Amino acid sequence: MHLRIGILALVSVLAVSAQEPPAAHFHHLHLNSTDPAAAIGFYTSRFDCEKARFAGQDAVWAQRSWLLFNQVSAAPPWELVSALWHFGWGAEDMKATYQKQLDLGTRFFTPLTDISWLAGRPDFYYAYVEGPDHALVELNTASHHRFGHLHLFSEDPVAAGEWYARHFGLTRRSVQKEARFREGVQYAPSVSLVMDNVNILIYPIQYSRQVYPDHWKQGPTPIASTKGRVVDHVAFSVDNLAATVQRLRAAGVQITGAFLEGPDAIRIELVEGNP
């Protein structure tokens, strides 16, 4: 009797484990740049990161993940019409950090802005740095000044969040399923997920269409593929690449080489090993 109970318990544990994907890790963001050397100099002189080498190429190491660069001959498209909106660093004192960036000659796409209403706490600020090749970099109030988040757009943020959790084991921090608006701008449904030390936030694409109408010159067209844009793709690392590819293909995920297509035409590279 005890043996039978033990076997049933083991089968139950194995069944649950089989449903949970092995934890993946945030590996890198890959950017297209007309001048990678200048881009590396910009990031390392303004944010908490350092110049390093990855696969024989100069790159940026940001605590636990990479910024990699591909040189292109023409300026890549950057308008906010794809799933990749921006990436960002924290700042313990946003007002002081903002002034320091201005003193360095940093250009801002969005100036220092108070969003305490959204954070649910006083003195919460953000600003968007206009990075090389128009890459958008957010600085926001935080308890740290490290590379801290990636912000995405989606036609269905809740479904996109479920996709990342199901296939790569990301932890959900919060889910807002109902639509929410402020001054006519939609900022929910939304999802917040965690992968290692990176917070991945997903907003509705309607936000972009309302706030950046000049970027949607042809109207509310489908979200553009990230391929070839200033932020070309994101990469996750896994312990066993072959097994992960087999598992994802069995789940119906479209994979070409080392890349798969995630929600809203986001390009995701799979890398084997620790960042």
Protein backbone atom coordinates (compact mmCIF):
# COMPACT_ATOMS: atom_id res chain seq x y z
CA MET A 1 0.00 0.00 0.00
CA HIS A 2 2.75 2.44 0.96
CA LEU A 3 4.67 1.50 -2.19
CA ARG A 4 1.61 2.21 -4.36
CA ILE A 5 1.08 5.60 -2.72
CA GLY A 6 4.76 6.43 -3.22
CA ILE A 7 4.62 5.50 -6.91
CA LEU A 8 1.48 7.58 -7.43
CA ALA A 9 3.10 10.55 -5.72
CA LEU A 10 6.18 10.20 -7.92
CA VAL A 11 4.06 10.01 -11.07
CA SER A 12 2.20 13.13 -9.95
CA VAL A 13 5.45 15.04 -9.38
CA LEU A 14 6.81 13.96 -12.76
CA ALA A 15 3.60 14.99 -14.50
CA VAL A 16 3.76 18.47 -12.98
CA SER A 17 7.46 18.79 -13.81
CA ALA A 18 6.78 17.80 -17.42
CA GLN A 19 4.34 20.70 -17.71
CA GLU A 20 6.81 23.26 -16.39
CA PRO A 21 9.46 24.42 -18.87
CA PRO A 22 13.08 24.51 -17.71
CA ALA A 23 13.99 28.02 -16.61
CA ALA A 24 15.41 30.16 -19.40
CA HIS A 25 17.63 33.18 -18.81
CA PHE A 26 17.82 36.67 -20.26
CA HIS A 27 20.88 36.59 -22.51
CA HIS A 28 21.01 39.70 -24.72
CA LEU A 29 19.41 42.41 -26.75
CA HIS A 30 20.74 42.66 -30.30
CA LEU A 31 20.76 46.09 -31.89
CA ASN A 32 21.38 47.22 -35.46
CA SER A 33 23.71 50.21 -35.59
CA THR A 34 25.48 52.26 -38.24
CA ASP A 35 28.40 52.74 -35.81
CA PRO A 36 28.64 49.99 -33.17
CA ALA A 37 31.84 51.43 -31.64
CA ALA A 38 30.17 54.78 -31.04
CA ALA A 39 27.05 53.06 -29.68
CA ILE A 40 29.14 51.04 -27.22
CA GLY A 41 30.88 54.24 -26.12
CA PHE A 42 27.51 55.92 -25.58
CA TYR A 43 26.01 53.19 -23.41
CA THR A 44 29.11 52.63 -21.30
CA SER A 45 29.57 56.35 -20.64
CA ARG A 46 25.98 57.00 -19.57
CA PHE A 47 24.65 53.87 -17.90
CA ASP A 48 25.81 51.22 -15.45
CA CYS A 49 27.49 48.81 -17.88
CA GLU A 50 30.93 48.12 -19.33
CA LYS A 51 32.64 47.33 -22.58
CA ALA A 52 33.45 43.63 -22.97
CA ARG A 53 33.89 40.95 -25.62
CA PHE A 54 31.34 38.38 -26.69
CA ALA A 55 32.06 35.77 -29.39
CA GLY A 56 35.08 37.78 -30.50
CA GLN A 57 33.16 41.05 -30.91
CA ASP A 58 33.05 44.23 -28.84
CA ALA A 59 29.84 44.41 -26.84
CA VAL A 60 28.26 45.84 -23.71
CA TRP A 61 28.00 43.80 -20.51
CA ALA A 62 25.21 44.99 -18.21
CA GLN A 63 25.45 43.08 -14.90
CA ARG A 64 24.01 39.73 -16.06
CA SER A 65 23.21 40.18 -19.74
CA TRP A 66 24.57 41.62 -22.99
CA LEU A 67 23.90 44.32 -25.54
CA LEU A 68 25.23 43.07 -28.87
CA PHE A 69 25.53 45.08 -32.08
CA ASN A 70 25.27 44.34 -35.77
CA GLN A 71 26.74 46.95 -38.12
CA VAL A 72 24.40 48.12 -40.88
CA SER A 73 25.06 50.51 -43.75
CA ALA A 74 21.83 52.49 -43.44
CA ALA A 75 19.93 53.77 -40.43
CA PRO A 76 17.58 51.04 -39.20
CA PRO A 77 13.87 51.83 -38.77
CA TRP A 78 13.11 52.82 -35.20
CA GLU A 79 9.51 54.03 -35.08
CA LEU A 80 7.52 52.45 -32.26
CA VAL A 81 5.43 50.09 -34.37
CA SER A 82 6.96 46.75 -33.32
CA ALA A 83 6.72 44.67 -30.16
CA LEU A 84 10.03 46.05 -28.86
CA TRP A 85 9.30 49.46 -27.32
CA HIS A 86 12.33 50.30 -25.15
CA PHE A 87 14.81 48.95 -22.61
CA GLY A 88 15.95 50.69 -19.48
CA TRP A 89 18.05 51.35 -16.41
CA GLY A 90 16.98 52.35 -12.93
CA ALA A 91 17.93 55.51 -11.03
CA GLU A 92 17.78 56.06 -7.28
CA ASP A 93 17.44 59.83 -7.73
CA MET A 94 15.78 60.56 -11.07
CA LYS A 95 16.01 64.33 -10.84
CA ALA A 96 19.77 64.21 -10.20
CA THR A 97 20.27 61.51 -12.84
CA TYR A 98 18.31 63.51 -15.41
CA GLN A 99 20.41 66.62 -14.77
CA LYS A 100 23.62 64.58 -15.00
CA GLN A 101 22.51 63.21 -18.37
CA LEU A 102 21.72 66.72 -19.61
CA ASP A 103 25.19 67.85 -18.50
CA LEU A 104 26.66 64.98 -20.55
CA GLY A 105 24.81 66.23 -23.61
CA THR A 106 22.31 63.37 -23.68
CA ARG A 107 19.28 63.98 -25.87
CA PHE A 108 15.86 63.02 -24.55
CA PHE A 109 12.95 61.70 -26.57
CA THR A 110 10.69 62.30 -23.54
CA PRO A 111 11.75 64.72 -20.77
CA LEU A 112 11.56 64.06 -17.04
CA THR A 113 7.94 63.14 -16.30
CA ASP A 114 6.12 62.41 -13.04
CA ILE A 115 4.11 59.16 -13.22
CA SER A 116 3.42 58.72 -9.52
CA TRP A 117 -0.21 58.03 -10.43
CA LEU A 118 0.86 54.90 -12.32
CA ALA A 119 3.44 53.67 -9.81
CA GLY A 120 1.08 54.19 -6.88
CA ARG A 121 3.78 56.02 -4.92
CA PRO A 122 5.02 59.63 -4.73
CA ASP A 123 8.08 61.00 -6.54
CA PHE A 124 8.17 58.39 -9.30
CA TYR A 125 9.68 59.73 -12.52
CA TYR A 126 10.77 58.51 -15.91
CA ALA A 127 12.43 59.91 -19.04
CA TYR A 128 13.29 58.40 -22.42
CA VAL A 129 16.85 58.83 -23.66
CA GLU A 130 17.27 59.01 -27.41
CA GLY A 131 20.09 56.53 -27.88
CA PRO A 132 22.24 55.81 -30.92
CA ASP A 133 20.23 55.07 -34.07
CA HIS A 134 17.13 56.32 -32.17
CA ALA A 135 17.09 53.36 -29.78
CA LEU A 136 14.81 54.29 -26.90
CA VAL A 137 16.27 53.91 -23.40
CA GLU A 138 14.18 54.55 -20.31
CA LEU A 139 15.50 55.87 -17.03
CA ASN A 140 13.04 55.48 -14.18
CA THR A 141 12.88 55.77 -10.41
CA ALA A 142 14.16 52.55 -8.82
CA SER A 143 16.11 51.23 -5.86
CA HIS A 144 19.09 50.57 -8.16
CA HIS A 145 20.83 52.00 -11.24
CA ARG A 146 21.40 48.77 -13.19
CA PHE A 147 19.96 47.47 -16.42
CA GLY A 148 16.51 46.60 -15.21
CA HIS A 149 13.75 46.19 -17.74
CA LEU A 150 12.45 45.58 -21.23
CA HIS A 151 9.11 47.06 -22.30
CA LEU A 152 7.04 45.44 -25.04
CA PHE A 153 3.86 46.18 -26.99
CA SER A 154 1.23 43.58 -27.81
CA GLU A 155 -2.18 43.24 -29.42
CA ASP A 156 -3.05 40.99 -26.45
CA PRO A 157 -0.72 41.59 -23.47
CA VAL A 158 -2.35 38.96 -21.27
CA ALA A 159 -2.01 36.23 -23.91
CA ALA A 160 1.56 37.31 -24.63
CA GLY A 161 2.43 37.09 -20.94
CA GLU A 162 0.95 33.61 -20.75
CA TRP A 163 3.05 32.60 -23.79
CA TYR A 164 6.32 33.68 -22.11
CA ALA A 165 5.38 31.98 -18.85
CA ARG A 166 4.32 28.76 -20.57
CA HIS A 167 7.29 28.35 -22.90
CA PHE A 168 10.13 29.90 -20.90
CA GLY A 169 9.03 29.82 -17.29
CA LEU A 170 8.95 33.57 -16.68
CA THR A 171 7.46 34.54 -13.34
CA ARG A 172 4.37 36.74 -13.39
CA ARG A 173 4.56 39.76 -11.09
CA SER A 174 1.20 41.24 -12.00
CA VAL A 175 -1.58 40.94 -14.54
CA GLN A 176 -4.16 43.63 -15.32
CA LYS A 177 -6.82 42.04 -17.51
CA GLU A 178 -9.21 44.96 -17.81
CA ALA A 179 -8.69 47.90 -20.15
CA ARG A 180 -7.57 51.07 -18.39
CA PHE A 181 -7.23 54.61 -19.68
CA ARG A 182 -5.77 57.91 -18.54
CA GLU A 183 -6.59 61.10 -20.40
CA GLY A 184 -7.89 58.98 -23.27
CA VAL A 185 -4.74 56.87 -23.59
CA GLN A 186 -5.00 53.12 -23.06
CA TYR A 187 -2.30 51.58 -20.85
CA ALA A 188 -3.92 48.25 -19.95
CA PRO A 189 -4.47 45.29 -20.20
CA SER A 190 -0.88 44.86 -19.12
CA VAL A 191 1.45 42.23 -17.72
CA SER A 192 4.63 42.35 -15.66
CA LEU A 193 7.02 39.38 -15.75
CA VAL A 194 10.47 38.67 -14.33
CA MET A 195 13.36 36.88 -16.00
CA ASP A 196 16.51 36.86 -13.86
CA ASN A 197 17.13 40.52 -12.94
CA VAL A 198 15.11 41.89 -15.87
CA ASN A 199 11.50 42.99 -15.54
CA ILE A 200 9.58 42.43 -18.79
CA LEU A 201 6.52 44.66 -19.09
CA ILE A 202 3.87 44.32 -21.79
CA TYR A 203 1.53 47.18 -22.76
CA PRO A 204 -1.29 47.25 -25.33
CA ILE A 205 -0.22 48.40 -28.80
CA GLN A 206 -3.10 50.89 -28.63
CA TYR A 207 -0.86 52.98 -26.36
CA SER A 208 1.64 53.45 -29.17
CA ARG A 209 -1.04 54.18 -31.75
CA GLN A 210 -2.48 56.90 -29.52
CA VAL A 211 0.73 58.47 -28.14
CA TYR A 212 2.88 58.17 -31.29
CA PRO A 213 0.39 58.67 -34.15
CA ASP A 214 3.13 60.02 -36.45
CA HIS A 215 4.74 56.57 -36.33
CA TRP A 216 1.57 55.00 -37.76
CA LYS A 217 1.36 56.91 -41.03
CA GLN A 218 -0.62 54.13 -42.69
CA GLY A 219 -3.09 53.82 -39.85
CA PRO A 220 -3.45 50.97 -37.32
CA THR A 221 -1.54 48.40 -39.39
CA PRO A 222 -0.42 45.10 -37.81
CA ILE A 223 2.57 45.22 -35.48
CA ALA A 224 5.78 45.16 -37.53
CA SER A 225 8.34 42.39 -37.24
CA THR A 226 11.34 43.39 -35.14
CA LYS A 227 13.74 41.98 -37.75
CA GLY A 228 15.98 44.67 -39.18
CA ARG A 229 14.79 47.36 -36.76
CA VAL A 230 17.02 49.26 -34.34
CA VAL A 231 16.36 46.60 -31.67
CA ASP A 232 16.39 43.53 -33.86
CA HIS A 233 15.71 40.80 -31.32
CA VAL A 234 15.94 39.56 -27.78
CA ALA A 235 17.80 36.38 -26.80
CA PHE A 236 17.15 33.81 -24.09
CA SER A 237 19.68 31.21 -23.01
CA VAL A 238 18.81 27.62 -22.13
CA ASP A 239 20.80 24.71 -20.77
CA ASN A 240 19.92 22.35 -23.61
CA LEU A 241 19.26 24.03 -26.96
CA ALA A 242 18.32 20.89 -28.89
CA ALA A 243 15.82 19.75 -26.28
CA THR A 244 14.32 23.25 -26.05
CA VAL A 245 13.88 23.49 -29.82
CA GLN A 246 12.24 20.06 -29.87
CA ARG A 247 9.88 21.04 -27.04
CA LEU A 248 8.91 24.34 -28.65
CA ARG A 249 8.32 22.81 -32.07
CA ALA A 250 6.10 20.16 -30.51
CA ALA A 251 4.12 23.03 -28.96
CA GLY A 252 3.66 24.61 -32.39
CA VAL A 253 6.16 27.47 -32.03
CA GLN A 254 7.60 28.58 -35.37
CA ILE A 255 11.40 28.21 -35.36
CA THR A 256 13.89 28.99 -38.13
CA GLY A 257 17.48 28.16 -37.27
CA ALA A 258 18.26 29.65 -33.85
CA PHE A 259 15.35 32.10 -34.03
CA LEU A 260 11.72 31.74 -33.15
CA GLU A 261 8.80 34.06 -33.65
CA GLY A 262 7.19 35.09 -30.41
CA PRO A 263 3.99 37.03 -29.81
CA ASP A 264 3.40 40.06 -32.04
CA ALA A 265 6.20 39.18 -34.48
CA ILE A 266 8.98 39.60 -31.92
CA ARG A 267 12.17 37.84 -32.93
CA ILE A 268 13.71 35.67 -30.19
CA GLU A 269 17.11 34.02 -30.44
CA LEU A 270 17.90 30.88 -28.45
CA VAL A 271 21.41 30.52 -27.06
CA GLU A 272 22.85 27.54 -25.20
CA GLY A 273 24.72 28.19 -21.97
CA ASN A 274 24.99 30.85 -19.32
CA PRO A 275 25.21 34.53 -20.40
